[in-house]
Amino acid sequence: GLFLYNLVQNTETILIDFLKLILINYPGKISDRTISIEKLLNHSKEEVIEEVINDYLNKLMYEAPKEYFNKLFDIFSIKPIDDEVIQKFIEIKARRDIGIHNNWLTNSVYLKKSENMFFNEENVLAIPDENYLVYAYDVMTFFIGYIFDELVNKFCT
């Protein structure tokens, strides 16, 4: 269970780092935020931008999964990865969540998010075995690799 928890946490940390890097260089990608005059007068431009980015990313991480991924690829300005990969990512995060919050028992939230990918009823024990952990690792590394390659092609060539 700890491996899955760390895998998801590390993947999300990498995504946040990528997002911060893009948003620091292109803060205009965040267009729906307002800043108080007091904040502008009492802080440097860099401090204000950093605070706005951190606030935006914190809210983004709690978006519904599909909305989160739409915004992620929009900020990155890259072609979205296949829906199948996104759904696998969502299921892995949902399985991690039931491990943390529901003693590895499937529930309605997991079933909805996972679209019944592995289980189709509640209260089924979903402890990840070695094969699942290898699968989850492969999905997450493929996902991050895709984004990294696309970002390099977009911003470094």
N, C-alpha and C. Protein backbone atom coordinates (compact mmCIF):
# COMPACT_ATOMS: atom_id res chain seq x y z
N GLY A 1 0.79 -1.19 0.00
CA GLY A 1 0.00 0.00 0.00
C GLY A 1 0.84 1.27 0.00
N LEU A 2 1.94 1.23 0.74
CA LEU A 2 2.79 2.42 0.83
C LEU A 2 3.42 2.74 -0.53
N PHE A 3 3.76 1.70 -1.30
CA PHE A 3 4.33 1.93 -2.63
C PHE A 3 3.35 2.71 -3.50
N LEU A 4 2.08 2.30 -3.49
CA LEU A 4 1.08 2.97 -4.31
C LEU A 4 0.88 4.41 -3.85
N TYR A 5 0.82 4.61 -2.55
CA TYR A 5 0.69 5.95 -2.00
C TYR A 5 1.84 6.84 -2.48
N ASN A 6 3.06 6.35 -2.34
CA ASN A 6 4.23 7.13 -2.75
C ASN A 6 4.28 7.35 -4.25
N LEU A 7 3.88 6.36 -5.03
CA LEU A 7 3.87 6.49 -6.48
C LEU A 7 2.94 7.62 -6.91
N VAL A 8 1.73 7.64 -6.37
CA VAL A 8 0.77 8.68 -6.72
C VAL A 8 1.26 10.04 -6.22
N GLN A 9 1.74 10.09 -4.99
CA GLN A 9 2.22 11.36 -4.43
C GLN A 9 3.39 11.91 -5.25
N ASN A 10 4.33 11.06 -5.62
CA ASN A 10 5.49 11.52 -6.40
C ASN A 10 5.07 11.96 -7.79
N THR A 11 4.13 11.27 -8.40
CA THR A 11 3.64 11.66 -9.72
C THR A 11 2.96 13.03 -9.65
N GLU A 12 2.14 13.21 -8.64
CA GLU A 12 1.48 14.51 -8.48
C GLU A 12 2.48 15.63 -8.20
N THR A 13 3.52 15.33 -7.44
CA THR A 13 4.55 16.33 -7.16
C THR A 13 5.27 16.73 -8.44
N ILE A 14 5.58 15.77 -9.29
CA ILE A 14 6.22 16.07 -10.57
C ILE A 14 5.31 16.94 -11.42
N LEU A 15 4.03 16.60 -11.49
CA LEU A 15 3.09 17.41 -12.26
C LEU A 15 3.02 18.83 -11.73
N ILE A 16 2.97 18.99 -10.42
CA ILE A 16 2.93 20.33 -9.82
C ILE A 16 4.21 21.10 -10.15
N ASP A 17 5.34 20.43 -10.09
CA ASP A 17 6.60 21.09 -10.44
C ASP A 17 6.60 21.56 -11.90
N PHE A 18 6.11 20.70 -12.81
CA PHE A 18 6.00 21.10 -14.22
C PHE A 18 5.06 22.29 -14.36
N LEU A 19 3.92 22.23 -13.68
CA LEU A 19 2.95 23.33 -13.77
C LEU A 19 3.54 24.63 -13.24
N LYS A 20 4.23 24.57 -12.10
CA LYS A 20 4.85 25.78 -11.53
C LYS A 20 5.85 26.38 -12.50
N LEU A 21 6.65 25.53 -13.11
CA LEU A 21 7.66 26.01 -14.05
C LEU A 21 7.00 26.75 -15.23
N ILE A 22 5.93 26.18 -15.75
CA ILE A 22 5.23 26.83 -16.86
C ILE A 22 4.57 28.12 -16.39
N LEU A 23 3.88 28.07 -15.25
CA LEU A 23 3.13 29.24 -14.79
C LEU A 23 4.03 30.39 -14.33
N ILE A 24 5.19 30.09 -13.79
CA ILE A 24 6.14 31.15 -13.43
C ILE A 24 6.59 31.89 -14.68
N ASN A 25 6.79 31.16 -15.76
CA ASN A 25 7.24 31.77 -17.02
C ASN A 25 6.09 32.34 -17.85
N TYR A 26 4.88 31.84 -17.63
CA TYR A 26 3.70 32.30 -18.38
C TYR A 26 2.53 32.51 -17.41
N PRO A 27 2.65 33.48 -16.49
CA PRO A 27 1.58 33.67 -15.49
C PRO A 27 0.25 34.07 -16.10
N GLY A 28 0.24 34.55 -17.33
CA GLY A 28 -0.99 34.91 -18.00
C GLY A 28 -1.90 33.72 -18.27
N LYS A 29 -1.37 32.51 -18.13
CA LYS A 29 -2.18 31.30 -18.31
C LYS A 29 -3.21 31.17 -17.18
N ILE A 30 -3.00 31.92 -16.10
CA ILE A 30 -3.99 31.98 -15.02
C ILE A 30 -4.73 33.29 -15.19
N SER A 31 -5.91 33.22 -15.76
CA SER A 31 -6.63 34.46 -16.08
C SER A 31 -7.81 34.74 -15.16
N ASP A 32 -8.16 33.78 -14.32
CA ASP A 32 -9.37 33.96 -13.52
C ASP A 32 -9.08 34.29 -12.06
N ARG A 33 -7.99 34.97 -11.79
CA ARG A 33 -7.62 35.33 -10.42
C ARG A 33 -7.56 36.85 -10.29
N THR A 34 -7.97 37.34 -9.12
CA THR A 34 -7.86 38.76 -8.83
C THR A 34 -6.88 38.94 -7.69
N ILE A 35 -6.27 40.10 -7.66
CA ILE A 35 -5.26 40.41 -6.65
C ILE A 35 -5.64 41.73 -6.00
N SER A 36 -5.56 41.77 -4.68
CA SER A 36 -5.93 43.00 -3.97
C SER A 36 -4.83 44.06 -4.15
N ILE A 37 -5.25 45.30 -4.10
CA ILE A 37 -4.31 46.43 -4.17
C ILE A 37 -3.30 46.34 -3.03
N GLU A 38 -3.79 45.99 -1.84
CA GLU A 38 -2.91 45.87 -0.67
C GLU A 38 -1.77 44.88 -0.94
N LYS A 39 -2.12 43.76 -1.52
CA LYS A 39 -1.11 42.75 -1.82
C LYS A 39 -0.10 43.28 -2.83
N LEU A 40 -0.59 43.98 -3.85
CA LEU A 40 0.30 44.55 -4.86
C LEU A 40 1.24 45.58 -4.28
N LEU A 41 0.75 46.38 -3.33
CA LEU A 41 1.57 47.44 -2.75
C LEU A 41 2.57 46.93 -1.72
N ASN A 42 2.25 45.83 -1.06
CA ASN A 42 3.09 45.35 0.04
C ASN A 42 4.00 44.17 -0.30
N HIS A 43 3.93 43.69 -1.52
CA HIS A 43 4.74 42.53 -1.90
C HIS A 43 5.36 42.75 -3.28
N SER A 44 6.46 42.06 -3.51
CA SER A 44 7.09 42.17 -4.83
C SER A 44 6.23 41.45 -5.87
N LYS A 45 6.45 41.79 -7.12
CA LYS A 45 5.72 41.14 -8.22
C LYS A 45 5.92 39.63 -8.16
N GLU A 46 7.14 39.20 -7.91
CA GLU A 46 7.44 37.77 -7.85
C GLU A 46 6.68 37.07 -6.72
N GLU A 47 6.61 37.73 -5.56
CA GLU A 47 5.88 37.15 -4.42
C GLU A 47 4.39 37.02 -4.73
N VAL A 48 3.82 38.03 -5.36
CA VAL A 48 2.40 38.00 -5.71
C VAL A 48 2.13 36.89 -6.71
N ILE A 49 2.96 36.80 -7.74
CA ILE A 49 2.79 35.75 -8.75
C ILE A 49 2.92 34.37 -8.12
N GLU A 50 3.91 34.19 -7.26
CA GLU A 50 4.09 32.90 -6.59
C GLU A 50 2.88 32.52 -5.75
N GLU A 51 2.33 33.49 -5.02
CA GLU A 51 1.15 33.21 -4.20
C GLU A 51 -0.05 32.84 -5.05
N VAL A 52 -0.25 33.56 -6.15
CA VAL A 52 -1.37 33.28 -7.05
C VAL A 52 -1.20 31.88 -7.66
N ILE A 53 0.01 31.54 -8.07
CA ILE A 53 0.27 30.21 -8.64
C ILE A 53 0.00 29.12 -7.62
N ASN A 54 0.52 29.29 -6.41
CA ASN A 54 0.31 28.27 -5.38
C ASN A 54 -1.18 28.10 -5.05
N ASP A 55 -1.90 29.20 -4.97
CA ASP A 55 -3.34 29.14 -4.70
C ASP A 55 -4.05 28.42 -5.85
N TYR A 56 -3.70 28.77 -7.08
CA TYR A 56 -4.31 28.15 -8.25
C TYR A 56 -4.04 26.65 -8.28
N LEU A 57 -2.80 26.25 -8.03
CA LEU A 57 -2.45 24.82 -8.06
C LEU A 57 -3.13 24.05 -6.94
N ASN A 58 -3.24 24.66 -5.78
CA ASN A 58 -3.93 24.00 -4.68
C ASN A 58 -5.39 23.71 -5.06
N LYS A 59 -6.05 24.69 -5.64
CA LYS A 59 -7.44 24.49 -6.07
C LYS A 59 -7.53 23.48 -7.22
N LEU A 60 -6.58 23.53 -8.13
CA LEU A 60 -6.57 22.62 -9.27
C LEU A 60 -6.50 21.16 -8.83
N MET A 61 -5.72 20.88 -7.80
CA MET A 61 -5.54 19.50 -7.35
C MET A 61 -6.84 18.89 -6.79
N TYR A 62 -7.82 19.74 -6.46
CA TYR A 62 -9.08 19.25 -5.93
C TYR A 62 -10.22 19.29 -6.95
N GLU A 63 -9.89 19.61 -8.19
CA GLU A 63 -10.90 19.60 -9.25
C GLU A 63 -11.34 18.16 -9.52
N ALA A 64 -12.49 18.03 -10.15
CA ALA A 64 -12.91 16.72 -10.63
C ALA A 64 -11.86 16.22 -11.61
N PRO A 65 -11.59 14.92 -11.62
CA PRO A 65 -10.48 14.40 -12.43
C PRO A 65 -10.46 14.85 -13.90
N LYS A 66 -11.57 14.78 -14.58
CA LYS A 66 -11.59 15.16 -16.01
C LYS A 66 -11.28 16.65 -16.17
N GLU A 67 -11.85 17.48 -15.29
CA GLU A 67 -11.60 18.92 -15.34
C GLU A 67 -10.13 19.22 -15.04
N TYR A 68 -9.58 18.51 -14.07
CA TYR A 68 -8.17 18.65 -13.70
C TYR A 68 -7.28 18.39 -14.92
N PHE A 69 -7.53 17.29 -15.60
CA PHE A 69 -6.68 16.94 -16.75
C PHE A 69 -6.88 17.90 -17.91
N ASN A 70 -8.10 18.38 -18.13
CA ASN A 70 -8.32 19.38 -19.18
C ASN A 70 -7.50 20.63 -18.91
N LYS A 71 -7.52 21.11 -17.67
CA LYS A 71 -6.75 22.31 -17.32
C LYS A 71 -5.25 22.05 -17.39
N LEU A 72 -4.84 20.87 -16.97
CA LEU A 72 -3.42 20.52 -16.99
C LEU A 72 -2.86 20.62 -18.41
N PHE A 73 -3.53 19.98 -19.35
CA PHE A 73 -3.03 19.99 -20.73
C PHE A 73 -3.20 21.36 -21.37
N ASP A 74 -4.19 22.13 -20.95
CA ASP A 74 -4.36 23.49 -21.45
C ASP A 74 -3.19 24.36 -20.99
N ILE A 75 -2.83 24.26 -19.72
CA ILE A 75 -1.69 25.04 -19.22
C ILE A 75 -0.40 24.63 -19.92
N PHE A 76 -0.23 23.33 -20.09
CA PHE A 76 0.98 22.84 -20.76
C PHE A 76 1.00 23.19 -22.25
N SER A 77 -0.16 23.49 -22.82
CA SER A 77 -0.29 23.76 -24.26
C SER A 77 0.25 22.60 -25.09
N ILE A 78 -0.09 21.40 -24.66
CA ILE A 78 0.31 20.20 -25.39
C ILE A 78 -0.94 19.35 -25.67
N LYS A 79 -0.79 18.45 -26.63
CA LYS A 79 -1.89 17.54 -26.99
C LYS A 79 -2.17 16.62 -25.81
N PRO A 80 -3.44 16.51 -25.42
CA PRO A 80 -3.76 15.61 -24.30
C PRO A 80 -3.39 14.17 -24.62
N ILE A 81 -3.00 13.46 -23.60
CA ILE A 81 -2.70 12.04 -23.73
C ILE A 81 -4.02 11.30 -23.95
N ASP A 82 -3.96 10.09 -24.44
CA ASP A 82 -5.17 9.30 -24.70
C ASP A 82 -6.05 9.20 -23.46
N ASP A 83 -7.37 9.24 -23.68
CA ASP A 83 -8.33 9.12 -22.59
C ASP A 83 -8.13 7.83 -21.80
N GLU A 84 -7.71 6.77 -22.46
CA GLU A 84 -7.49 5.49 -21.77
C GLU A 84 -6.41 5.62 -20.70
N VAL A 85 -5.35 6.34 -21.00
CA VAL A 85 -4.27 6.54 -20.04
C VAL A 85 -4.76 7.41 -18.89
N ILE A 86 -5.52 8.45 -19.21
CA ILE A 86 -6.07 9.32 -18.16
C ILE A 86 -6.99 8.51 -17.24
N GLN A 87 -7.82 7.65 -17.81
CA GLN A 87 -8.72 6.84 -16.98
C GLN A 87 -7.93 5.89 -16.08
N LYS A 88 -6.84 5.33 -16.59
CA LYS A 88 -5.99 4.47 -15.76
C LYS A 88 -5.39 5.27 -14.60
N PHE A 89 -4.92 6.48 -14.91
CA PHE A 89 -4.37 7.36 -13.87
C PHE A 89 -5.42 7.64 -12.80
N ILE A 90 -6.63 7.96 -13.23
CA ILE A 90 -7.72 8.26 -12.29
C ILE A 90 -8.02 7.05 -11.41
N GLU A 91 -8.06 5.86 -12.00
CA GLU A 91 -8.32 4.66 -11.22
C GLU A 91 -7.24 4.41 -10.19
N ILE A 92 -5.98 4.62 -10.58
CA ILE A 92 -4.87 4.41 -9.65
C ILE A 92 -4.98 5.38 -8.46
N LYS A 93 -5.28 6.65 -8.75
CA LYS A 93 -5.46 7.62 -7.66
C LYS A 93 -6.64 7.23 -6.78
N ALA A 94 -7.72 6.77 -7.38
CA ALA A 94 -8.90 6.38 -6.62
C ALA A 94 -8.60 5.15 -5.75
N ARG A 95 -7.81 4.22 -6.27
CA ARG A 95 -7.46 3.04 -5.47
C ARG A 95 -6.58 3.46 -4.30
N ARG A 96 -5.64 4.37 -4.54
CA ARG A 96 -4.83 4.90 -3.44
C ARG A 96 -5.73 5.52 -2.38
N ASP A 97 -6.74 6.29 -2.83
CA ASP A 97 -7.65 6.96 -1.90
C ASP A 97 -8.42 5.97 -1.04
N ILE A 98 -8.90 4.86 -1.62
CA ILE A 98 -9.63 3.90 -0.79
C ILE A 98 -8.69 3.19 0.17
N GLY A 99 -7.42 3.08 -0.21
CA GLY A 99 -6.44 2.52 0.72
C GLY A 99 -6.26 3.40 1.93
N ILE A 100 -6.23 4.71 1.70
CA ILE A 100 -6.04 5.67 2.78
C ILE A 100 -7.31 5.84 3.61
N HIS A 101 -8.44 5.98 2.95
CA HIS A 101 -9.67 6.40 3.62
C HIS A 101 -10.68 5.29 3.88
N ASN A 102 -10.52 4.10 3.28
CA ASN A 102 -11.57 3.09 3.40
C ASN A 102 -11.02 1.67 3.57
N ASN A 103 -9.81 1.56 4.12
CA ASN A 103 -9.22 0.25 4.40
C ASN A 103 -9.22 -0.68 3.19
N TRP A 104 -9.00 -0.11 2.01
CA TRP A 104 -8.90 -0.87 0.75
C TRP A 104 -10.21 -1.48 0.29
N LEU A 105 -11.32 -1.03 0.86
CA LEU A 105 -12.62 -1.55 0.41
C LEU A 105 -13.20 -0.61 -0.65
N THR A 106 -13.64 -1.18 -1.76
CA THR A 106 -14.26 -0.37 -2.80
C THR A 106 -15.52 0.29 -2.25
N ASN A 107 -15.81 1.47 -2.78
CA ASN A 107 -17.02 2.20 -2.40
C ASN A 107 -17.57 2.89 -3.64
N SER A 108 -18.67 3.59 -3.49
CA SER A 108 -19.31 4.21 -4.65
C SER A 108 -18.42 5.26 -5.31
N VAL A 109 -17.65 5.98 -4.52
CA VAL A 109 -16.75 7.00 -5.08
C VAL A 109 -15.69 6.33 -5.96
N TYR A 110 -15.08 5.28 -5.44
CA TYR A 110 -14.08 4.55 -6.23
C TYR A 110 -14.70 3.99 -7.51
N LEU A 111 -15.85 3.37 -7.39
CA LEU A 111 -16.49 2.75 -8.57
C LEU A 111 -16.80 3.80 -9.63
N LYS A 112 -17.25 4.98 -9.20
CA LYS A 112 -17.56 6.05 -10.15
C LYS A 112 -16.28 6.55 -10.82
N LYS A 113 -15.26 6.83 -10.03
CA LYS A 113 -14.02 7.35 -10.60
C LYS A 113 -13.33 6.31 -11.48
N SER A 114 -13.35 5.06 -11.06
CA SER A 114 -12.64 4.02 -11.81
C SER A 114 -13.43 3.51 -13.01
N GLU A 115 -14.68 3.92 -13.11
CA GLU A 115 -15.57 3.44 -14.17
C GLU A 115 -15.57 1.92 -14.24
N ASN A 116 -15.58 1.30 -13.05
CA ASN A 116 -15.64 -0.16 -12.91
C ASN A 116 -14.51 -0.87 -13.65
N MET A 117 -13.35 -0.26 -13.71
CA MET A 117 -12.23 -0.82 -14.45
C MET A 117 -11.79 -2.18 -13.89
N PHE A 118 -11.72 -2.31 -12.56
CA PHE A 118 -11.29 -3.56 -11.95
C PHE A 118 -12.37 -4.20 -11.07
N PHE A 119 -13.26 -3.39 -10.54
CA PHE A 119 -14.30 -3.87 -9.64
C PHE A 119 -15.62 -3.24 -10.04
N ASN A 120 -16.73 -3.95 -9.75
CA ASN A 120 -18.03 -3.39 -10.10
C ASN A 120 -19.03 -3.44 -8.96
N GLU A 121 -18.52 -3.64 -7.75
CA GLU A 121 -19.41 -3.58 -6.59
C GLU A 121 -18.65 -3.05 -5.38
N GLU A 122 -19.42 -2.55 -4.43
CA GLU A 122 -18.84 -1.97 -3.22
C GLU A 122 -18.43 -3.06 -2.23
N ASN A 123 -17.57 -2.65 -1.30
CA ASN A 123 -17.11 -3.49 -0.19
C ASN A 123 -16.31 -4.71 -0.64
N VAL A 124 -15.59 -4.56 -1.73
CA VAL A 124 -14.67 -5.60 -2.19
C VAL A 124 -13.27 -5.16 -1.80
N LEU A 125 -12.49 -6.06 -1.25
CA LEU A 125 -11.14 -5.74 -0.84
C LEU A 125 -10.26 -5.54 -2.08
N ALA A 126 -9.62 -4.38 -2.18
CA ALA A 126 -8.88 -4.00 -3.38
C ALA A 126 -7.41 -3.71 -3.07
N ILE A 127 -6.83 -4.49 -2.18
CA ILE A 127 -5.41 -4.31 -1.85
C ILE A 127 -4.59 -4.59 -3.11
N PRO A 128 -3.71 -3.68 -3.48
CA PRO A 128 -2.93 -3.90 -4.71
C PRO A 128 -1.90 -5.02 -4.53
N ASP A 129 -1.90 -5.96 -5.49
CA ASP A 129 -0.89 -7.02 -5.45
C ASP A 129 0.31 -6.58 -6.30
N GLU A 130 1.31 -7.43 -6.40
CA GLU A 130 2.53 -7.08 -7.12
C GLU A 130 2.25 -6.74 -8.58
N ASN A 131 1.39 -7.49 -9.23
CA ASN A 131 1.07 -7.22 -10.63
C ASN A 131 0.42 -5.85 -10.80
N TYR A 132 -0.49 -5.49 -9.88
CA TYR A 132 -1.14 -4.19 -9.95
C TYR A 132 -0.11 -3.07 -9.73
N LEU A 133 0.80 -3.26 -8.81
CA LEU A 133 1.81 -2.23 -8.53
C LEU A 133 2.72 -2.01 -9.73
N VAL A 134 3.08 -3.09 -10.42
CA VAL A 134 3.89 -2.96 -11.65
C VAL A 134 3.08 -2.21 -12.70
N TYR A 135 1.81 -2.58 -12.85
CA TYR A 135 0.91 -1.90 -13.78
C TYR A 135 0.82 -0.41 -13.45
N ALA A 136 0.59 -0.07 -12.18
CA ALA A 136 0.47 1.33 -11.76
C ALA A 136 1.76 2.10 -12.04
N TYR A 137 2.89 1.48 -11.74
CA TYR A 137 4.18 2.11 -12.00
C TYR A 137 4.34 2.40 -13.50
N ASP A 138 3.99 1.42 -14.32
CA ASP A 138 4.12 1.59 -15.77
C ASP A 138 3.22 2.72 -16.28
N VAL A 139 1.99 2.78 -15.77
CA VAL A 139 1.06 3.84 -16.19
C VAL A 139 1.61 5.20 -15.80
N MET A 140 2.04 5.34 -14.56
CA MET A 140 2.50 6.65 -14.08
C MET A 140 3.80 7.08 -14.78
N THR A 141 4.72 6.16 -14.99
CA THR A 141 5.96 6.55 -15.68
C THR A 141 5.70 6.88 -17.14
N PHE A 142 4.78 6.16 -17.77
CA PHE A 142 4.40 6.49 -19.15
C PHE A 142 3.78 7.88 -19.20
N PHE A 143 2.88 8.17 -18.26
CA PHE A 143 2.20 9.46 -18.20
C PHE A 143 3.20 10.60 -18.05
N ILE A 144 4.07 10.49 -17.07
CA ILE A 144 5.07 11.54 -16.83
C ILE A 144 6.04 11.65 -18.01
N GLY A 145 6.43 10.52 -18.56
CA GLY A 145 7.32 10.53 -19.72
C GLY A 145 6.71 11.24 -20.91
N TYR A 146 5.43 10.98 -21.14
CA TYR A 146 4.73 11.64 -22.24
C TYR A 146 4.73 13.16 -22.04
N ILE A 147 4.35 13.59 -20.85
CA ILE A 147 4.29 15.03 -20.58
C ILE A 147 5.68 15.66 -20.70
N PHE A 148 6.68 15.00 -20.11
CA PHE A 148 8.04 15.53 -20.19
C PHE A 148 8.48 15.69 -21.64
N ASP A 149 8.30 14.66 -22.45
CA ASP A 149 8.71 14.72 -23.86
C ASP A 149 7.97 15.83 -24.60
N GLU A 150 6.67 15.95 -24.36
CA GLU A 150 5.88 16.99 -25.03
C GLU A 150 6.33 18.39 -24.59
N LEU A 151 6.62 18.56 -23.31
CA LEU A 151 7.08 19.87 -22.82
C LEU A 151 8.44 20.23 -23.40
N VAL A 152 9.32 19.26 -23.47
CA VAL A 152 10.64 19.51 -24.06
C VAL A 152 10.48 19.92 -25.52
N ASN A 153 9.64 19.19 -26.27
CA ASN A 153 9.42 19.54 -27.67
C ASN A 153 8.78 20.92 -27.84
N LYS A 154 7.91 21.27 -26.90
CA LYS A 154 7.19 22.55 -26.99
C LYS A 154 8.05 23.73 -26.57
N PHE A 155 8.81 23.59 -25.50
CA PHE A 155 9.48 24.74 -24.91
C PHE A 155 11.01 24.75 -25.04
N CYS A 156 11.60 23.64 -25.46
CA CYS A 156 13.06 23.57 -25.47
C CYS A 156 13.65 23.36 -26.86
N THR A 157 12.82 23.45 -27.88
CA THR A 157 13.37 23.26 -29.23
C THR A 157 13.21 24.50 -30.07
